[in-house]
C-alpha atoms as a PDB file:
ATOM      1  CA  MET A   1     -13.727 -18.937  12.855  1.00  0.00           C
ATOM      2  CA  SER A   2     -16.346 -19.517  15.529  1.00  0.00           C
ATOM      3  CA  THR A   3     -19.798 -20.226  14.337  1.00  0.00           C
ATOM      4  CA  SER A   4     -21.033 -17.226  16.148  1.00  0.00           C
ATOM      5  CA  THR A   5     -19.378 -14.618  13.624  1.00  0.00           C
ATOM      6  CA  MET A   6     -20.330 -16.093  10.259  1.00  0.00           C
ATOM      7  CA  PRO A   7     -22.825 -18.836   9.032  1.00  0.00           C
ATOM      8  CA  GLU A   8     -21.177 -22.232   8.148  1.00  0.00           C
ATOM      9  CA  HIS A   9     -22.385 -22.257   4.520  1.00  0.00           C
ATOM     10  CA  VAL A  10     -20.243 -19.285   3.609  1.00  0.00           C
ATOM     11  CA  GLU A  11     -16.979 -20.996   2.435  1.00  0.00           C
ATOM     12  CA  ILE A  12     -16.267 -19.712  -1.107  1.00  0.00           C
ATOM     13  CA  ARG A  13     -13.366 -20.180  -2.946  1.00  0.00           C
ATOM     14  CA  PRO A  14     -13.015 -19.804  -6.681  1.00  0.00           C
ATOM     15  CA  ASP A  15     -12.473 -22.984  -8.549  1.00  0.00           C
ATOM     16  CA  THR A  16      -9.407 -22.567 -10.597  1.00  0.00           C
ATOM     17  CA  SER A  17      -8.497 -26.095 -11.277  1.00  0.00           C
ATOM     18  CA  ASN A  18      -9.404 -25.808 -15.021  1.00  0.00           C
ATOM     19  CA  GLN A  19      -8.014 -22.365 -15.433  1.00  0.00           C
ATOM     20  CA  SER A  20      -4.117 -21.872 -16.467  1.00  0.00           C
ATOM     21  CA  SER A  21      -3.787 -18.214 -15.175  1.00  0.00           C
ATOM     22  CA  ASP A  22      -4.440 -16.468 -11.927  1.00  0.00           C
ATOM     23  CA  SER A  23      -7.648 -14.358 -13.647  1.00  0.00           C
ATOM     24  CA  LEU A  24     -11.038 -15.293 -13.378  1.00  0.00           C
ATOM     25  CA  SER A  25     -13.656 -15.173 -16.458  1.00  0.00           C
ATOM     26  CA  THR A  26     -15.920 -12.305 -16.255  1.00  0.00           C
ATOM     27  CA  SER A  27     -18.927 -14.492 -15.507  1.00  0.00           C
ATOM     28  CA  ASP A  28     -16.940 -15.916 -12.473  1.00  0.00           C
ATOM     29  CA  CYS A  29     -16.115 -12.548 -11.332  1.00  0.00           C
ATOM     30  CA  LEU A  30     -19.752 -11.524 -11.385  1.00  0.00           C
ATOM     31  CA  ARG A  31     -20.993 -14.683  -9.796  1.00  0.00           C
ATOM     32  CA  PHE A  32     -18.258 -14.142  -6.784  1.00  0.00           C
ATOM     33  CA  SER A  33     -19.268 -10.611  -6.744  1.00  0.00           C
ATOM     34  CA  GLN A  34     -22.953 -11.568  -6.036  1.00  0.00           C
ATOM     35  CA  VAL A  35     -21.695 -14.005  -3.212  1.00  0.00           C
ATOM     36  CA  VAL A  36     -19.719 -11.464  -1.462  1.00  0.00           C
ATOM     37  CA  GLU A  37     -22.820  -8.987  -1.657  1.00  0.00           C
ATOM     38  CA  GLU A  38     -25.094 -11.717  -0.222  1.00  0.00           C
ATOM     39  CA  VAL A  39     -22.425 -12.454   2.649  1.00  0.00           C
ATOM     40  CA  ILE A  40     -22.276  -8.742   3.364  1.00  0.00           C
ATOM     41  CA  GLU A  41     -26.202  -8.567   3.666  1.00  0.00           C
ATOM     42  CA  GLU A  42     -25.791 -11.684   6.012  1.00  0.00           C
ATOM     43  CA  VAL A  43     -23.558 -10.002   8.155  1.00  0.00           C
ATOM     44  CA  ARG A  44     -25.838  -6.906   8.345  1.00  0.00           C
ATOM     45  CA  ARG A  45     -28.579  -9.090   9.425  1.00  0.00           C
ATOM     46  CA  VAL A  46     -26.756 -10.942  12.116  1.00  0.00           C
ATOM     47  CA  TYR A  47     -25.231  -7.596  13.568  1.00  0.00           C
ATOM     48  CA  PRO A  48     -28.001  -5.184  12.899  1.00  0.00           C
ATOM     49  CA  ASN A  49     -26.956  -2.870  15.966  1.00  0.00           C
ATOM     50  CA  ILE A  50     -23.248  -2.432  14.914  1.00  0.00           C
ATOM     51  CA  HIS A  51     -22.713   0.563  12.428  1.00  0.00           C
ATOM     52  CA  THR A  52     -19.737   1.708  10.785  1.00  0.00           C
ATOM     53  CA  THR A  53     -18.455   5.204   9.727  1.00  0.00           C
ATOM     54  CA  LEU A  54     -17.789   3.913   6.158  1.00  0.00           C
ATOM     55  CA  PRO A  55     -20.326   2.326   4.087  1.00  0.00           C
ATOM     56  CA  LEU A  56     -19.433  -1.516   4.153  1.00  0.00           C
ATOM     57  CA  LYS A  57     -18.253  -1.823   0.498  1.00  0.00           C
ATOM     58  CA  GLU A  58     -15.938   0.990   0.736  1.00  0.00           C
ATOM     59  CA  LEU A  59     -14.687  -0.366   4.069  1.00  0.00           C
ATOM     60  CA  LEU A  60     -13.906  -3.773   2.770  1.00  0.00           C
ATOM     61  CA  ASP A  61     -12.172  -2.425  -0.520  1.00  0.00           C
ATOM     62  CA  PRO A  62      -8.426  -2.444  -0.361  1.00  0.00           C
ATOM     63  CA  ALA A  63      -6.406   0.459   0.201  1.00  0.00           C
ATOM     64  CA  GLU A  64      -5.807   2.542  -2.874  1.00  0.00           C
ATOM     65  CA  LYS A  65      -1.914   3.043  -2.252  1.00  0.00           C
ATOM     66  CA  LYS A  66       0.310  -0.052  -1.922  1.00  0.00           C
ATOM     67  CA  ARG A  67       3.860   0.251  -0.472  1.00  0.00           C
ATOM     68  CA  SER A  68       5.124  -3.092  -2.377  1.00  0.00           C
ATOM     69  CA  LYS A  69       4.766  -3.887  -5.845  1.00  0.00           C
ATOM     70  CA  GLY A  70       3.615  -7.490  -5.117  1.00  0.00           C
ATOM     71  CA  VAL A  71      -0.063  -8.737  -4.241  1.00  0.00           C
ATOM     72  CA  PRO A  72      -1.295  -7.118  -1.116  1.00  0.00           C
ATOM     73  CA  ARG A  73      -1.906  -8.777   1.904  1.00  0.00           C
ATOM     74  CA  PRO A  74      -5.837  -8.877   2.831  1.00  0.00           C
ATOM     75  CA  GLN A  75      -6.636  -6.492   5.690  1.00  0.00           C
ATOM     76  CA  ASN A  76      -7.074  -7.821   9.061  1.00  0.00           C
ATOM     77  CA  CYS A  77      -9.927  -7.170  11.352  1.00  0.00           C
ATOM     78  CA  PHE A  78      -8.146  -4.694  13.349  1.00  0.00           C
ATOM     79  CA  MET A  79      -6.903  -2.706  10.012  1.00  0.00           C
ATOM     80  CA  LEU A  80     -10.573  -2.671   9.025  1.00  0.00           C
ATOM     81  CA  TYR A  81     -11.409  -1.159  12.545  1.00  0.00           C
ATOM     82  CA  ARG A  82      -8.627   1.246  12.445  1.00  0.00           C
ATOM     83  CA  LYS A  83      -9.787   2.280   8.978  1.00  0.00           C
ATOM     84  CA  ASP A  84     -13.229   3.013  10.014  1.00  0.00           C
ATOM     85  CA  ILE A  85     -11.835   5.098  13.224  1.00  0.00           C
ATOM     86  CA  ARG A  86      -9.788   7.058  10.774  1.00  0.00           C
ATOM     87  CA  ALA A  87     -12.671   7.699   8.667  1.00  0.00           C
ATOM     88  CA  ARG A  88     -14.862   8.929  11.708  1.00  0.00           C
ATOM     89  CA  PHE A  89     -12.113  11.350  12.887  1.00  0.00           C
ATOM     90  CA  THR A  90     -11.737  12.655   9.274  1.00  0.00           C
ATOM     91  CA  ARG A  91     -15.419  13.274   9.023  1.00  0.00           C
ATOM     92  CA  GLU A  92     -15.268  15.112  12.215  1.00  0.00           C
ATOM     93  CA  GLY A  93     -12.642  17.302  10.842  1.00  0.00           C
ATOM     94  CA  ASN A  94      -9.761  15.881  12.984  1.00  0.00           C
ATOM     95  CA  ALA A  95      -7.629  14.081  10.402  1.00  0.00           C
ATOM     96  CA  LEU A  96      -5.261  11.655  12.077  1.00  0.00           C
ATOM     97  CA  SER A  97      -2.062  10.020  11.155  1.00  0.00           C
ATOM     98  CA  VAL A  98      -1.789   6.165  10.817  1.00  0.00           C
ATOM     99  CA  ALA A  99       0.096   6.135  14.226  1.00  0.00           C
ATOM    100  CA  GLU A 100      -2.499   8.277  15.913  1.00  0.00           C
ATOM    101  CA  SER A 101      -5.347   6.315  14.454  1.00  0.00           C
ATOM    102  CA  SER A 102      -3.685   2.954  15.389  1.00  0.00           C
ATOM    103  CA  ARG A 103      -3.124   4.091  18.971  1.00  0.00           C
ATOM    104  CA  ILE A 104      -6.671   5.258  19.252  1.00  0.00           C
ATOM    105  CA  ALA A 105      -7.899   2.154  17.720  1.00  0.00           C
ATOM    106  CA  ALA A 106      -5.720  -0.270  19.881  1.00  0.00           C
ATOM    107  CA  GLU A 107      -7.054   1.425  23.079  1.00  0.00           C
ATOM    108  CA  SER A 108     -10.650   1.094  21.838  1.00  0.00           C
ATOM    109  CA  TRP A 109     -10.341  -2.552  20.501  1.00  0.00           C
ATOM    110  CA  ARG A 110      -9.164  -3.686  23.919  1.00  0.00           C
ATOM    111  CA  ASN A 111     -12.520  -2.283  25.365  1.00  0.00           C
ATOM    112  CA  LEU A 112     -14.817  -3.655  22.817  1.00  0.00           C
ATOM    113  CA  PRO A 113     -17.427  -6.186  23.621  1.00  0.00           C
ATOM    114  CA  GLN A 114     -16.920  -9.696  22.049  1.00  0.00           C
ATOM    115  CA  GLU A 115     -19.880  -9.288  19.915  1.00  0.00           C
ATOM    116  CA  GLU A 116     -18.398  -6.232  18.109  1.00  0.00           C
ATOM    117  CA  LYS A 117     -15.062  -7.807  17.623  1.00  0.00           C
ATOM    118  CA  ASN A 118     -16.900 -10.855  16.165  1.00  0.00           C
ATOM    119  CA  PHE A 119     -18.345  -8.251  13.658  1.00  0.00           C
ATOM    120  CA  TRP A 120     -14.924  -7.173  12.671  1.00  0.00           C
ATOM    121  CA  HIS A 121     -13.759 -10.857  12.434  1.00  0.00           C
ATOM    122  CA  ALA A 122     -16.631 -11.484  10.172  1.00  0.00           C
ATOM    123  CA  LEU A 123     -15.755  -8.489   7.898  1.00  0.00           C
ATOM    124  CA  TYR A 124     -12.162  -9.883   7.667  1.00  0.00           C
ATOM    125  CA  GLU A 125     -13.712 -13.198   6.378  1.00  0.00           C
ATOM    126  CA  ILE A 126     -15.362 -11.177   3.654  1.00  0.00           C
ATOM    127  CA  VAL A 127     -11.979  -9.422   2.778  1.00  0.00           C
ATOM    128  CA  LYS A 128     -10.235 -12.844   2.669  1.00  0.00           C
ATOM    129  CA  MET A 129     -12.704 -14.361   0.619  1.00  0.00           C
ATOM    130  CA  GLN A 130     -12.502 -11.226  -2.000  1.00  0.00           C
ATOM    131  CA  HIS A 131      -8.827 -11.532  -2.004  1.00  0.00           C
ATOM    132  CA  ALA A 132      -9.142 -15.050  -2.572  1.00  0.00           C
ATOM    133  CA  ILE A 133     -11.121 -14.552  -5.575  1.00  0.00           C
ATOM    134  CA  LYS A 134      -9.046 -11.623  -6.814  1.00  0.00           C
ATOM    135  CA  TYR A 135      -5.741 -13.555  -6.320  1.00  0.00           C
ATOM    136  CA  PRO A 136      -6.771 -17.200  -6.460  1.00  0.00           C
ATOM    137  CA  ASN A 137      -3.123 -18.618  -6.176  1.00  0.00           C
ATOM    138  CA  TYR A 138      -1.953 -15.902  -3.744  1.00  0.00           C
ATOM    139  CA  LYS A 139       0.436 -17.276  -0.746  1.00  0.00           C
ATOM    140  CA  TYR A 140       2.020 -14.970   1.643  1.00  0.00           C
ATOM    141  CA  GLN A 141       5.761 -15.348   1.418  1.00  0.00           C
ATOM    142  CA  PRO A 142       7.584 -12.756   3.403  1.00  0.00           C
ATOM    143  CA  VAL A 143      10.766 -11.536   2.101  1.00  0.00           C
ATOM    144  CA  ARG A 144      13.493 -11.301   4.475  1.00  0.00           C
ATOM    145  CA  GLY A 145      15.858  -8.408   4.333  1.00  0.00           C
ATOM    146  CA  LYS A 146      19.796  -8.731   3.724  1.00  0.00           C
ATOM    147  CA  GLN A 147      20.733  -8.082   7.411  1.00  0.00           C
ATOM    148  CA  ALA A 148      18.151 -10.577   8.780  1.00  0.00           C
ATOM    149  CA  LYS A 149      19.785 -13.103   6.869  1.00  0.00           C
ATOM    150  CA  LYS A 150      23.352 -12.438   7.628  1.00  0.00           C
ATOM    151  CA  GLY A 151      24.367 -12.951  11.022  1.00  0.00           C
ATOM    152  CA  ARG A 152      21.289 -11.866  13.027  1.00  0.00           C
ATOM    153  CA  GLY A 153      22.909  -9.608  15.348  1.00  0.00           C
ATOM    154  CA  MET A 154      26.233 -11.304  15.858  1.00  0.00           C
ATOM    155  CA  MET A 155      29.011  -9.160  16.198  1.00  0.00           C
ATOM    156  CA  ILE A 156      32.617  -9.434  16.719  1.00  0.00           C
ATOM    157  CA  VAL A 157      33.743  -7.530  19.740  1.00  0.00           C
ATOM    158  CA  ASP A 158      37.467  -7.656  21.016  1.00  0.00           C
ATOM    159  CA  GLY A 159      38.027 -10.645  18.628  1.00  0.00           C
ATOM    160  CA  MET A 160      35.008 -12.501  20.089  1.00  0.00           C
ATOM    161  CA  LYS A 161      31.675 -13.354  18.444  1.00  0.00           C
ATOM    162  CA  ARG A 162      28.808 -11.779  20.401  1.00  0.00           C
ATOM    163  CA  SER A 163      25.169 -11.469  20.113  1.00  0.00           C
ATOM    164  CA  ASP A 164      23.226  -8.111  20.183  1.00  0.00           C
ATOM    165  CA  LYS A 165      21.490  -9.497  23.271  1.00  0.00           C
ATOM    166  CA  ASP A 166      24.377 -10.628  25.210  1.00  0.00           C
ATOM    167  CA  ASP A 167      24.820  -7.391  27.426  1.00  0.00           C
ATOM    168  CA  LYS A 168      26.166  -9.145  30.141  1.00  0.00           C
ATOM    169  CA  SER A 169      28.557  -7.550  32.836  1.00  0.00           C
ATOM    170  CA  ASP A 170      32.319  -8.312  33.215  1.00  0.00           C
ATOM    171  CA  LYS A 171      33.806  -9.130  36.771  1.00  0.00           C
ATOM    172  CA  SER A 172      34.082  -5.521  37.459  1.00  0.00           C
ATOM    173  CA  GLY A 173      30.362  -4.824  37.256  1.00  0.00           C
ATOM    174  CA  GLN A 174      30.720  -2.654  34.265  1.00  0.00           C
ATOM    175  CA  MET A 175      28.921  -3.345  30.956  1.00  0.00           C
ATOM    176  CA  GLN A 176      31.021  -4.825  28.346  1.00  0.00           C
ATOM    177  CA  TYR A 177      28.932  -3.651  25.457  1.00  0.00           C
ATOM    178  CA  GLN A 178      27.057  -0.387  25.713  1.00  0.00           C
ATOM    179  CA  GLY A 179      25.500   1.845  22.831  1.00  0.00           C
ATOM    180  CA  LYS A 180      27.725   2.091  19.909  1.00  0.00           C
ATOM    181  CA  PHE A 181      30.708  -0.236  19.708  1.00  0.00           C
ATOM    182  CA  SER A 182      34.347   1.249  18.589  1.00  0.00           C
ATOM    183  CA  ALA A 183      35.272  -1.845  16.712  1.00  0.00           C
ATOM    184  CA  THR A 184      32.304  -4.011  15.766  1.00  0.00           C
ATOM    185  CA  GLU A 185      31.439  -5.747  12.459  1.00  0.00           C
ATOM    186  CA  LYS A 186      28.371  -7.650  11.628  1.00  0.00           C
ATOM    187  CA  ILE A 187      29.128 -11.006  10.248  1.00  0.00           C
END
C-alpha cells in the first residue's frame, strides 16, 4: 500500500498466539474497535473533501446477507465504492440492481481521480483490519467446482480428445465443432 493512502503506523493485527480459538476476548474486541475508530478518524482527516453517501461505519460493515455459509471475504475497494453508489441511487428513489450498480460504478471508477481511489483503498485497509480482528485465522481458500476438477473443458469428439478452445477449421474450411455437439462427453 502506498504511504499516501494510510499512515504507516496503522498496521494492526490481533495477537492470537496465546489463544486457542478464533474468538477474541471482550477486552481485545473493545480495544481493536477503538483502534478501528481512530483509523477511521485518520482517514477523515487525510481526505476531508471526499464524502460518502453512507456513514463510514455503515459503509465498512459487511453485507447482511451472505451467499456462502463460510467466512465471508472482506469487501474490496471497488465493492465499497459500488455499495456507496447504490446507496446514493436508492436515496434518490432510483433503486438499482447489483448488475446495474456495478456497471455504473465501473464507468465512474475508471474516471475517478487518484486521490479518490486512494480514499477507497484506505477504506479497504480498514475493512481488512476489521476482518482480521473478527476472523484472526482466516485464509482465503477457494473451492473449485466438480466440473473444473474434471477434464477442464476436454471433450471426446469423433473419438478424439479436444479442448473447448480448439475451434480449428478442417481442410474444407468448415468449422469442425460449432455450438452443441451431437456426440460429446466430458471427461
